[in-house]
N, C-alpha and C. Protein backbone atom coordinates (compact mmCIF):
# COMPACT_ATOMS: atom_id res chain seq x y z
N UNK A 1 -34.13 -6.49 4.51
CA UNK A 1 -33.69 -6.22 3.16
C UNK A 1 -32.94 -4.89 3.15
N UNK A 2 -31.79 -4.82 2.50
CA UNK A 2 -31.02 -3.58 2.49
C UNK A 2 -31.72 -2.47 1.72
N UNK A 3 -31.47 -1.25 2.15
CA UNK A 3 -32.00 -0.07 1.50
C UNK A 3 -30.98 0.36 0.44
N UNK A 4 -31.36 0.35 -0.87
CA UNK A 4 -30.39 0.68 -1.91
C UNK A 4 -29.88 2.12 -1.82
N UNK A 5 -30.60 2.99 -1.12
CA UNK A 5 -30.15 4.38 -0.99
C UNK A 5 -29.04 4.53 0.05
N UNK A 6 -28.88 3.54 0.92
CA UNK A 6 -27.83 3.60 1.93
C UNK A 6 -26.49 3.28 1.29
N UNK A 7 -25.42 3.97 1.73
CA UNK A 7 -24.11 3.66 1.16
C UNK A 7 -23.68 2.24 1.53
N UNK A 8 -22.96 1.60 0.61
CA UNK A 8 -22.46 0.26 0.86
C UNK A 8 -21.36 0.33 1.91
N UNK A 9 -21.52 -0.38 2.98
CA UNK A 9 -20.55 -0.43 4.06
C UNK A 9 -19.74 -1.70 3.90
N UNK A 10 -18.41 -1.59 3.97
CA UNK A 10 -17.55 -2.75 3.91
C UNK A 10 -17.06 -3.06 5.31
N UNK A 11 -17.36 -4.27 5.77
CA UNK A 11 -17.03 -4.70 7.12
C UNK A 11 -16.02 -5.83 7.04
N UNK A 12 -14.90 -5.68 7.74
CA UNK A 12 -13.92 -6.75 7.88
C UNK A 12 -14.08 -7.33 9.27
N UNK A 13 -14.20 -8.63 9.33
CA UNK A 13 -14.32 -9.33 10.61
C UNK A 13 -13.08 -10.20 10.75
N UNK A 14 -12.34 -9.96 11.82
CA UNK A 14 -11.08 -10.65 12.05
C UNK A 14 -11.32 -11.77 13.05
N UNK A 15 -11.21 -13.00 12.58
CA UNK A 15 -11.45 -14.17 13.42
C UNK A 15 -12.73 -14.86 13.01
N UNK A 16 -12.63 -16.09 12.54
CA UNK A 16 -13.78 -16.84 12.03
C UNK A 16 -14.29 -17.87 13.02
N UNK A 17 -14.10 -17.61 14.30
CA UNK A 17 -14.69 -18.47 15.32
C UNK A 17 -16.19 -18.23 15.40
N UNK A 18 -16.84 -18.73 16.44
CA UNK A 18 -18.30 -18.59 16.53
C UNK A 18 -18.81 -17.14 16.42
N UNK A 19 -18.21 -16.20 17.13
CA UNK A 19 -18.67 -14.82 17.06
C UNK A 19 -18.41 -14.23 15.67
N UNK A 20 -17.24 -14.44 15.13
CA UNK A 20 -16.90 -13.90 13.82
C UNK A 20 -17.79 -14.43 12.71
N UNK A 21 -18.03 -15.72 12.72
CA UNK A 21 -18.87 -16.28 11.65
C UNK A 21 -20.32 -15.83 11.79
N UNK A 22 -20.80 -15.68 13.04
CA UNK A 22 -22.17 -15.19 13.24
C UNK A 22 -22.28 -13.74 12.76
N UNK A 23 -21.31 -12.90 13.10
CA UNK A 23 -21.33 -11.51 12.64
C UNK A 23 -21.29 -11.44 11.12
N UNK A 24 -20.44 -12.26 10.49
CA UNK A 24 -20.36 -12.27 9.03
C UNK A 24 -21.70 -12.67 8.42
N UNK A 25 -22.34 -13.67 8.99
CA UNK A 25 -23.65 -14.11 8.49
C UNK A 25 -24.67 -12.98 8.60
N UNK A 26 -24.76 -12.36 9.77
CA UNK A 26 -25.74 -11.29 9.96
C UNK A 26 -25.47 -10.10 9.04
N UNK A 27 -24.21 -9.74 8.88
CA UNK A 27 -23.86 -8.62 8.01
C UNK A 27 -24.20 -8.95 6.56
N UNK A 28 -23.92 -10.18 6.12
CA UNK A 28 -24.26 -10.59 4.76
C UNK A 28 -25.77 -10.57 4.55
N UNK A 29 -26.51 -11.05 5.53
CA UNK A 29 -27.98 -11.01 5.43
C UNK A 29 -28.50 -9.58 5.34
N UNK A 30 -27.76 -8.66 5.90
CA UNK A 30 -28.16 -7.25 5.91
C UNK A 30 -27.72 -6.51 4.65
N UNK A 31 -27.08 -7.20 3.75
CA UNK A 31 -26.67 -6.60 2.49
C UNK A 31 -25.36 -5.85 2.55
N UNK A 32 -24.59 -6.03 3.60
CA UNK A 32 -23.30 -5.36 3.71
C UNK A 32 -22.23 -6.16 2.98
N UNK A 33 -21.20 -5.48 2.53
CA UNK A 33 -20.04 -6.17 1.95
C UNK A 33 -19.21 -6.67 3.13
N UNK A 34 -18.89 -7.97 3.15
CA UNK A 34 -18.23 -8.59 4.30
C UNK A 34 -17.00 -9.36 3.85
N UNK A 35 -15.92 -9.16 4.61
CA UNK A 35 -14.71 -9.97 4.44
C UNK A 35 -14.41 -10.60 5.79
N UNK A 36 -14.42 -11.91 5.84
CA UNK A 36 -14.15 -12.66 7.05
C UNK A 36 -12.74 -13.23 6.95
N UNK A 37 -11.91 -12.91 7.95
CA UNK A 37 -10.50 -13.32 7.95
C UNK A 37 -10.20 -14.26 9.09
N UNK A 38 -9.37 -15.23 8.80
CA UNK A 38 -8.79 -16.08 9.84
C UNK A 38 -7.52 -16.68 9.25
N UNK A 39 -6.49 -16.78 10.08
CA UNK A 39 -5.23 -17.35 9.60
C UNK A 39 -5.30 -18.87 9.51
N UNK A 40 -6.25 -19.47 10.19
CA UNK A 40 -6.39 -20.93 10.16
C UNK A 40 -7.38 -21.35 9.07
N UNK A 41 -6.91 -22.06 8.05
CA UNK A 41 -7.80 -22.49 6.97
C UNK A 41 -9.01 -23.28 7.48
N UNK A 42 -8.83 -24.07 8.52
CA UNK A 42 -9.95 -24.87 9.04
C UNK A 42 -11.05 -23.97 9.61
N UNK A 43 -10.68 -22.86 10.25
CA UNK A 43 -11.70 -21.93 10.76
C UNK A 43 -12.47 -21.29 9.61
N UNK A 44 -11.77 -20.92 8.54
CA UNK A 44 -12.46 -20.35 7.38
C UNK A 44 -13.37 -21.37 6.72
N UNK A 45 -12.93 -22.62 6.65
CA UNK A 45 -13.76 -23.68 6.07
C UNK A 45 -15.04 -23.86 6.89
N UNK A 46 -14.91 -23.94 8.21
CA UNK A 46 -16.09 -24.10 9.08
C UNK A 46 -17.02 -22.89 8.96
N UNK A 47 -16.45 -21.70 8.87
CA UNK A 47 -17.25 -20.48 8.74
C UNK A 47 -18.01 -20.49 7.41
N UNK A 48 -17.33 -20.87 6.34
CA UNK A 48 -17.97 -20.90 5.02
C UNK A 48 -19.15 -21.88 5.05
N UNK A 49 -18.96 -23.05 5.63
CA UNK A 49 -20.04 -24.04 5.70
C UNK A 49 -21.19 -23.54 6.58
N UNK A 50 -20.86 -22.95 7.72
CA UNK A 50 -21.87 -22.40 8.63
C UNK A 50 -22.73 -21.36 7.90
N UNK A 51 -22.07 -20.46 7.18
CA UNK A 51 -22.79 -19.38 6.50
C UNK A 51 -23.59 -19.93 5.33
N UNK A 52 -23.02 -20.83 4.56
CA UNK A 52 -23.75 -21.41 3.42
C UNK A 52 -25.01 -22.15 3.86
N UNK A 53 -24.95 -22.82 4.99
CA UNK A 53 -26.12 -23.56 5.48
C UNK A 53 -27.24 -22.63 5.89
N UNK A 54 -26.92 -21.38 6.20
CA UNK A 54 -27.91 -20.47 6.75
C UNK A 54 -28.34 -19.35 5.80
N UNK A 55 -27.64 -19.17 4.71
CA UNK A 55 -27.99 -18.12 3.76
C UNK A 55 -28.91 -18.66 2.68
N UNK A 56 -29.77 -17.79 2.20
CA UNK A 56 -30.63 -18.15 1.08
C UNK A 56 -29.79 -18.24 -0.20
N UNK A 57 -30.37 -18.82 -1.24
CA UNK A 57 -29.66 -18.93 -2.52
C UNK A 57 -29.29 -17.55 -3.05
N UNK A 58 -30.18 -16.57 -2.90
CA UNK A 58 -29.89 -15.21 -3.38
C UNK A 58 -28.72 -14.61 -2.61
N UNK A 59 -28.70 -14.84 -1.32
CA UNK A 59 -27.61 -14.30 -0.51
C UNK A 59 -26.29 -15.00 -0.83
N UNK A 60 -26.36 -16.27 -1.19
CA UNK A 60 -25.14 -16.98 -1.56
C UNK A 60 -24.52 -16.38 -2.83
N UNK A 61 -25.36 -15.78 -3.66
CA UNK A 61 -24.84 -15.12 -4.85
C UNK A 61 -23.94 -13.95 -4.48
N UNK A 62 -24.10 -13.42 -3.25
CA UNK A 62 -23.23 -12.34 -2.80
C UNK A 62 -21.77 -12.82 -2.78
N UNK A 63 -21.56 -14.05 -2.37
CA UNK A 63 -20.19 -14.57 -2.35
C UNK A 63 -19.62 -14.59 -3.76
N UNK A 64 -20.42 -15.06 -4.71
CA UNK A 64 -19.96 -15.11 -6.09
C UNK A 64 -19.70 -13.70 -6.64
N UNK A 65 -20.47 -12.72 -6.20
CA UNK A 65 -20.30 -11.35 -6.70
C UNK A 65 -19.23 -10.58 -5.95
N UNK A 66 -18.64 -11.17 -4.93
CA UNK A 66 -17.59 -10.50 -4.18
C UNK A 66 -18.09 -9.73 -2.97
N UNK A 67 -19.37 -9.75 -2.68
CA UNK A 67 -19.91 -9.03 -1.53
C UNK A 67 -19.67 -9.78 -0.22
N UNK A 68 -19.35 -11.06 -0.32
CA UNK A 68 -19.03 -11.88 0.84
C UNK A 68 -17.76 -12.64 0.52
N UNK A 69 -16.72 -12.39 1.30
CA UNK A 69 -15.45 -13.03 1.00
C UNK A 69 -14.80 -13.64 2.22
N UNK A 70 -13.99 -14.62 1.98
CA UNK A 70 -13.23 -15.32 3.02
C UNK A 70 -11.76 -15.15 2.67
N UNK A 71 -10.99 -14.54 3.57
CA UNK A 71 -9.59 -14.25 3.29
C UNK A 71 -8.71 -14.74 4.43
N UNK A 72 -7.44 -14.97 4.09
CA UNK A 72 -6.53 -15.54 5.09
C UNK A 72 -5.49 -14.56 5.61
N UNK A 73 -5.59 -13.30 5.20
CA UNK A 73 -4.65 -12.31 5.74
C UNK A 73 -5.42 -11.07 6.21
N UNK A 74 -4.91 -10.46 7.26
CA UNK A 74 -5.52 -9.24 7.78
C UNK A 74 -5.46 -8.15 6.71
N UNK A 75 -4.35 -8.06 6.02
CA UNK A 75 -4.20 -7.03 5.00
C UNK A 75 -5.29 -7.13 3.94
N UNK A 76 -5.59 -8.34 3.46
CA UNK A 76 -6.66 -8.51 2.47
C UNK A 76 -8.02 -8.14 3.05
N UNK A 77 -8.22 -8.41 4.32
CA UNK A 77 -9.51 -8.12 4.94
C UNK A 77 -9.75 -6.62 5.11
N UNK A 78 -8.74 -5.88 5.50
CA UNK A 78 -8.95 -4.49 5.90
C UNK A 78 -8.65 -3.48 4.80
N UNK A 79 -8.12 -3.91 3.70
CA UNK A 79 -7.66 -3.00 2.63
C UNK A 79 -8.72 -1.95 2.26
N UNK A 80 -9.98 -2.33 2.18
CA UNK A 80 -11.05 -1.41 1.79
C UNK A 80 -12.14 -1.30 2.85
N UNK A 81 -11.82 -1.67 4.06
CA UNK A 81 -12.84 -1.71 5.12
C UNK A 81 -13.18 -0.33 5.66
N UNK A 82 -14.46 -0.14 5.88
CA UNK A 82 -14.95 1.04 6.60
C UNK A 82 -14.97 0.76 8.10
N UNK A 83 -15.26 -0.49 8.44
CA UNK A 83 -15.37 -0.93 9.83
C UNK A 83 -14.67 -2.27 9.97
N UNK A 84 -13.85 -2.40 11.02
CA UNK A 84 -13.21 -3.67 11.34
C UNK A 84 -13.66 -4.08 12.74
N UNK A 85 -14.12 -5.31 12.86
CA UNK A 85 -14.47 -5.87 14.16
C UNK A 85 -13.55 -7.05 14.39
N UNK A 86 -12.78 -6.97 15.48
CA UNK A 86 -11.90 -8.10 15.77
C UNK A 86 -12.61 -9.05 16.72
N UNK A 87 -12.41 -10.31 16.50
CA UNK A 87 -13.00 -11.36 17.35
C UNK A 87 -11.89 -12.20 17.95
N UNK A 88 -10.87 -11.52 18.45
CA UNK A 88 -9.76 -12.20 19.12
C UNK A 88 -10.07 -12.28 20.61
N UNK A 89 -9.38 -13.14 21.35
CA UNK A 89 -9.65 -13.27 22.78
C UNK A 89 -9.55 -11.93 23.52
N UNK A 90 -10.36 -11.79 24.53
CA UNK A 90 -10.43 -10.56 25.33
C UNK A 90 -9.30 -10.56 26.36
N UNK A 91 -8.08 -10.50 25.85
CA UNK A 91 -6.87 -10.47 26.67
C UNK A 91 -6.02 -9.31 26.18
N UNK A 92 -5.36 -8.64 27.08
CA UNK A 92 -4.62 -7.44 26.75
C UNK A 92 -3.63 -7.67 25.60
N UNK A 93 -2.81 -8.70 25.68
CA UNK A 93 -1.82 -8.94 24.63
C UNK A 93 -2.46 -9.18 23.28
N UNK A 94 -3.54 -9.95 23.23
CA UNK A 94 -4.22 -10.23 21.97
C UNK A 94 -4.82 -8.96 21.38
N UNK A 95 -5.46 -8.16 22.22
CA UNK A 95 -6.08 -6.92 21.73
C UNK A 95 -5.03 -5.92 21.27
N UNK A 96 -3.95 -5.77 22.02
CA UNK A 96 -2.90 -4.83 21.60
C UNK A 96 -2.28 -5.26 20.28
N UNK A 97 -2.03 -6.56 20.13
CA UNK A 97 -1.43 -7.06 18.90
C UNK A 97 -2.34 -6.82 17.70
N UNK A 98 -3.62 -7.14 17.83
CA UNK A 98 -4.52 -6.98 16.69
C UNK A 98 -4.71 -5.51 16.35
N UNK A 99 -4.86 -4.65 17.36
CA UNK A 99 -5.02 -3.22 17.07
C UNK A 99 -3.76 -2.64 16.44
N UNK A 100 -2.60 -3.10 16.86
CA UNK A 100 -1.34 -2.66 16.26
C UNK A 100 -1.31 -3.03 14.78
N UNK A 101 -1.67 -4.27 14.47
CA UNK A 101 -1.68 -4.71 13.07
C UNK A 101 -2.72 -3.95 12.25
N UNK A 102 -3.92 -3.83 12.79
CA UNK A 102 -4.98 -3.12 12.08
C UNK A 102 -4.60 -1.68 11.80
N UNK A 103 -4.02 -1.03 12.80
CA UNK A 103 -3.66 0.38 12.68
C UNK A 103 -2.67 0.60 11.54
N UNK A 104 -1.81 -0.35 11.30
CA UNK A 104 -0.81 -0.21 10.26
C UNK A 104 -1.29 -0.64 8.89
N UNK A 105 -2.32 -1.46 8.82
CA UNK A 105 -2.76 -2.01 7.54
C UNK A 105 -4.03 -1.38 6.97
N UNK A 106 -4.89 -0.88 7.84
CA UNK A 106 -6.17 -0.34 7.39
C UNK A 106 -6.03 1.11 6.92
N UNK A 107 -6.87 1.53 5.98
CA UNK A 107 -6.86 2.93 5.56
C UNK A 107 -7.16 3.85 6.75
N UNK A 108 -6.74 5.10 6.67
CA UNK A 108 -6.91 6.02 7.80
C UNK A 108 -8.36 6.23 8.26
N UNK A 109 -9.33 6.10 7.36
CA UNK A 109 -10.73 6.34 7.73
C UNK A 109 -11.40 5.14 8.40
N UNK A 110 -10.73 4.00 8.45
CA UNK A 110 -11.33 2.77 8.99
C UNK A 110 -11.54 2.86 10.50
N UNK A 111 -12.72 2.44 10.93
CA UNK A 111 -13.10 2.41 12.34
C UNK A 111 -12.83 1.01 12.89
N UNK A 112 -12.33 0.96 14.13
CA UNK A 112 -12.06 -0.31 14.81
C UNK A 112 -13.05 -0.49 15.95
N UNK A 113 -13.76 -1.62 15.95
CA UNK A 113 -14.65 -1.97 17.05
C UNK A 113 -14.12 -3.27 17.65
N UNK A 114 -13.90 -3.27 18.95
CA UNK A 114 -13.32 -4.44 19.59
C UNK A 114 -14.21 -4.91 20.74
N UNK A 115 -14.66 -6.15 20.70
CA UNK A 115 -15.43 -6.68 21.82
C UNK A 115 -14.54 -6.85 23.05
N UNK A 116 -14.91 -6.22 24.14
CA UNK A 116 -14.17 -6.38 25.39
C UNK A 116 -15.06 -6.03 26.57
N UNK A 117 -14.99 -6.85 27.58
CA UNK A 117 -15.70 -6.55 28.83
C UNK A 117 -14.71 -6.18 29.92
N UNK A 118 -13.43 -6.47 29.69
CA UNK A 118 -12.42 -6.30 30.74
C UNK A 118 -11.52 -5.11 30.55
N UNK A 119 -11.27 -4.72 29.31
CA UNK A 119 -10.23 -3.76 29.00
C UNK A 119 -10.79 -2.37 28.71
N UNK A 120 -10.01 -1.37 28.99
CA UNK A 120 -10.39 0.02 28.73
C UNK A 120 -10.18 0.35 27.27
N UNK A 121 -11.23 0.82 26.60
CA UNK A 121 -11.08 1.20 25.20
C UNK A 121 -10.18 2.42 25.09
N UNK A 122 -10.19 3.29 26.06
CA UNK A 122 -9.30 4.46 26.02
C UNK A 122 -7.85 4.02 26.04
N UNK A 123 -7.52 3.05 26.87
CA UNK A 123 -6.15 2.54 26.93
C UNK A 123 -5.76 1.82 25.63
N UNK A 124 -6.66 1.00 25.11
CA UNK A 124 -6.38 0.29 23.86
C UNK A 124 -6.24 1.28 22.71
N UNK A 125 -7.13 2.25 22.63
CA UNK A 125 -7.12 3.23 21.54
C UNK A 125 -5.86 4.09 21.58
N UNK A 126 -5.35 4.35 22.77
CA UNK A 126 -4.14 5.17 22.92
C UNK A 126 -2.92 4.50 22.29
N UNK A 127 -3.01 3.22 22.04
CA UNK A 127 -1.89 2.50 21.41
C UNK A 127 -1.97 2.54 19.89
N UNK A 128 -2.93 3.29 19.34
CA UNK A 128 -3.07 3.42 17.90
C UNK A 128 -2.81 4.87 17.51
N UNK A 129 -2.71 5.09 16.20
CA UNK A 129 -2.59 6.45 15.68
C UNK A 129 -3.96 7.06 15.40
N UNK A 130 -5.03 6.35 15.75
CA UNK A 130 -6.39 6.82 15.49
C UNK A 130 -7.33 6.54 16.66
N UNK A 131 -7.04 7.07 17.83
CA UNK A 131 -7.91 6.79 18.98
C UNK A 131 -9.36 7.26 18.76
N UNK A 132 -9.54 8.25 17.90
CA UNK A 132 -10.89 8.74 17.61
C UNK A 132 -11.71 7.73 16.81
N UNK A 133 -11.05 6.72 16.24
CA UNK A 133 -11.71 5.71 15.42
C UNK A 133 -11.87 4.38 16.15
N UNK A 134 -11.72 4.37 17.48
CA UNK A 134 -11.79 3.13 18.26
C UNK A 134 -12.99 3.16 19.20
N UNK A 135 -13.68 2.02 19.29
CA UNK A 135 -14.84 1.88 20.16
C UNK A 135 -14.91 0.43 20.64
N UNK A 136 -15.46 0.24 21.83
CA UNK A 136 -15.60 -1.10 22.38
C UNK A 136 -17.03 -1.59 22.27
N UNK A 137 -17.16 -2.86 21.95
CA UNK A 137 -18.44 -3.55 22.05
C UNK A 137 -18.39 -4.22 23.41
N UNK A 138 -19.14 -3.69 24.36
CA UNK A 138 -18.96 -4.04 25.77
C UNK A 138 -19.90 -5.13 26.24
N UNK A 139 -20.04 -6.17 25.45
CA UNK A 139 -20.90 -7.28 25.83
C UNK A 139 -20.06 -8.54 25.95
N UNK A 140 -20.37 -9.34 26.94
CA UNK A 140 -19.72 -10.64 27.04
C UNK A 140 -20.15 -11.48 25.85
N UNK A 141 -19.22 -12.16 25.20
CA UNK A 141 -19.62 -12.96 24.05
C UNK A 141 -20.57 -14.08 24.45
N UNK A 142 -21.79 -14.04 23.96
CA UNK A 142 -22.73 -15.12 24.26
C UNK A 142 -22.38 -16.37 23.46
N UNK A 143 -23.03 -17.44 23.80
CA UNK A 143 -22.83 -18.67 23.03
C UNK A 143 -23.46 -18.49 21.65
N UNK A 144 -23.07 -19.35 20.72
CA UNK A 144 -23.61 -19.28 19.37
C UNK A 144 -25.13 -19.46 19.38
N UNK A 145 -25.64 -20.37 20.20
CA UNK A 145 -27.09 -20.58 20.28
C UNK A 145 -27.79 -19.31 20.76
N UNK A 146 -27.19 -18.61 21.73
CA UNK A 146 -27.78 -17.36 22.21
C UNK A 146 -27.76 -16.30 21.12
N UNK A 147 -26.66 -16.22 20.38
CA UNK A 147 -26.57 -15.24 19.31
C UNK A 147 -27.63 -15.47 18.25
N UNK A 148 -27.80 -16.72 17.87
CA UNK A 148 -28.74 -17.04 16.81
C UNK A 148 -30.18 -16.78 17.19
N UNK A 149 -30.49 -16.79 18.48
CA UNK A 149 -31.88 -16.60 18.90
C UNK A 149 -32.21 -15.16 19.26
N UNK A 150 -31.23 -14.27 19.24
CA UNK A 150 -31.47 -12.90 19.66
C UNK A 150 -31.49 -11.94 18.49
N UNK A 151 -32.50 -11.10 18.47
CA UNK A 151 -32.53 -9.94 17.59
C UNK A 151 -33.25 -8.84 18.35
N UNK A 152 -32.93 -7.62 18.01
CA UNK A 152 -33.61 -6.49 18.63
C UNK A 152 -33.14 -6.15 20.03
N UNK A 153 -32.20 -6.90 20.58
CA UNK A 153 -31.70 -6.58 21.91
C UNK A 153 -30.68 -5.45 21.82
N UNK A 154 -30.34 -4.91 22.94
CA UNK A 154 -29.42 -3.79 22.98
C UNK A 154 -27.97 -4.28 23.03
N UNK A 155 -27.14 -3.65 22.22
CA UNK A 155 -25.70 -3.94 22.20
C UNK A 155 -25.01 -2.77 22.89
N UNK A 156 -24.35 -3.00 24.03
CA UNK A 156 -23.69 -1.89 24.72
C UNK A 156 -22.34 -1.56 24.07
N UNK A 157 -22.13 -0.28 23.82
CA UNK A 157 -20.87 0.21 23.28
C UNK A 157 -20.22 1.11 24.32
N UNK A 158 -18.89 1.11 24.36
CA UNK A 158 -18.14 2.01 25.26
C UNK A 158 -17.20 2.86 24.43
N UNK A 159 -17.18 4.13 24.74
CA UNK A 159 -16.29 5.05 24.04
C UNK A 159 -15.16 5.47 24.96
N UNK A 160 -14.08 5.93 24.35
CA UNK A 160 -13.00 6.55 25.09
C UNK A 160 -13.15 8.06 24.96
N UNK A 161 -12.30 8.80 25.63
CA UNK A 161 -12.36 10.25 25.59
C UNK A 161 -12.17 10.78 24.17
N UNK A 162 -11.42 10.08 23.34
CA UNK A 162 -11.12 10.56 21.99
C UNK A 162 -12.08 10.04 20.93
N UNK A 163 -12.95 9.09 21.26
CA UNK A 163 -13.84 8.49 20.26
C UNK A 163 -14.72 9.56 19.62
N UNK A 164 -14.72 9.62 18.30
CA UNK A 164 -15.48 10.65 17.59
C UNK A 164 -16.96 10.29 17.46
N UNK A 165 -17.76 11.31 17.25
CA UNK A 165 -19.20 11.11 17.03
C UNK A 165 -19.43 10.31 15.75
N UNK A 166 -18.58 10.50 14.74
CA UNK A 166 -18.71 9.75 13.49
C UNK A 166 -18.47 8.26 13.71
N UNK A 167 -17.51 7.94 14.57
CA UNK A 167 -17.23 6.54 14.90
C UNK A 167 -18.45 5.91 15.57
N UNK A 168 -19.00 6.61 16.55
CA UNK A 168 -20.18 6.11 17.25
C UNK A 168 -21.33 5.91 16.27
N UNK A 169 -21.56 6.88 15.40
CA UNK A 169 -22.66 6.79 14.43
C UNK A 169 -22.49 5.60 13.50
N UNK A 170 -21.28 5.38 13.00
CA UNK A 170 -21.03 4.26 12.08
C UNK A 170 -21.31 2.93 12.76
N UNK A 171 -20.82 2.76 13.98
CA UNK A 171 -20.99 1.48 14.68
C UNK A 171 -22.45 1.28 15.09
N UNK A 172 -23.11 2.34 15.52
CA UNK A 172 -24.55 2.22 15.83
C UNK A 172 -25.34 1.84 14.58
N UNK A 173 -25.00 2.44 13.44
CA UNK A 173 -25.66 2.12 12.18
C UNK A 173 -25.44 0.65 11.79
N UNK A 174 -24.22 0.16 11.99
CA UNK A 174 -23.92 -1.24 11.70
C UNK A 174 -24.87 -2.15 12.49
N UNK A 175 -24.97 -1.92 13.80
CA UNK A 175 -25.82 -2.78 14.63
C UNK A 175 -27.29 -2.62 14.26
N UNK A 176 -27.71 -1.42 13.91
CA UNK A 176 -29.09 -1.21 13.51
C UNK A 176 -29.40 -1.99 12.23
N UNK A 177 -28.48 -2.00 11.29
CA UNK A 177 -28.68 -2.77 10.06
C UNK A 177 -28.81 -4.26 10.34
N UNK A 178 -28.19 -4.72 11.43
CA UNK A 178 -28.28 -6.13 11.81
C UNK A 178 -29.52 -6.42 12.65
N UNK A 179 -30.30 -5.39 12.99
CA UNK A 179 -31.53 -5.60 13.75
C UNK A 179 -31.38 -5.42 15.25
N UNK A 180 -30.31 -4.77 15.67
CA UNK A 180 -30.06 -4.53 17.08
C UNK A 180 -30.06 -3.03 17.36
N UNK A 181 -30.23 -2.68 18.61
CA UNK A 181 -30.08 -1.29 19.06
C UNK A 181 -28.77 -1.21 19.81
N UNK A 182 -28.08 -0.11 19.67
CA UNK A 182 -26.81 0.08 20.37
C UNK A 182 -26.97 1.22 21.38
N UNK A 183 -26.48 0.97 22.59
CA UNK A 183 -26.45 2.00 23.61
C UNK A 183 -24.99 2.36 23.85
N UNK A 184 -24.75 3.63 24.17
CA UNK A 184 -23.38 4.11 24.28
C UNK A 184 -23.11 4.66 25.67
N UNK A 185 -21.96 4.27 26.22
CA UNK A 185 -21.51 4.78 27.52
C UNK A 185 -20.04 5.16 27.39
N UNK A 186 -19.62 6.13 28.17
CA UNK A 186 -18.19 6.48 28.21
C UNK A 186 -17.45 5.39 28.94
N UNK A 187 -16.16 5.28 28.64
CA UNK A 187 -15.29 4.29 29.28
C UNK A 187 -15.21 4.62 30.72
């Protein structure tokens, strides 16, 4: 149950595939404001059904109140985001493209967290105007069944030389709210 004294965190999740929809579900369950984006209407439809099947009636009211939203443009997703997590393929071109778009559309204070096991967060962050706001989620994407059965496990994060302490704290807090512990290592 969310702590009302904690500030409301707005999380934009880019990509409504299995990882994106699971993250959106967990964040909604944790009382965070969530915007799930995908350019493919069918992915958003599947994500909406997945989340509705798993949320309680009270949590479904979050969607009606605007705390849980499904959007089809990156700009709509990141406009008020404190944290953006991209769920695009772990390929250099995909990551560079999404970070380029996010960097231009998100407010200056927005933090970017990108799941990658192969790429250097320092190199990816250097392609933005805010390398201090970039961090990697350094875990191989598990299957949806594995995600749904895990809580309390450690989520490894990787920082670059420029990653700020505030960025690390925000992302660690996000994972803690979801019931996970985050460990941090330099790139």
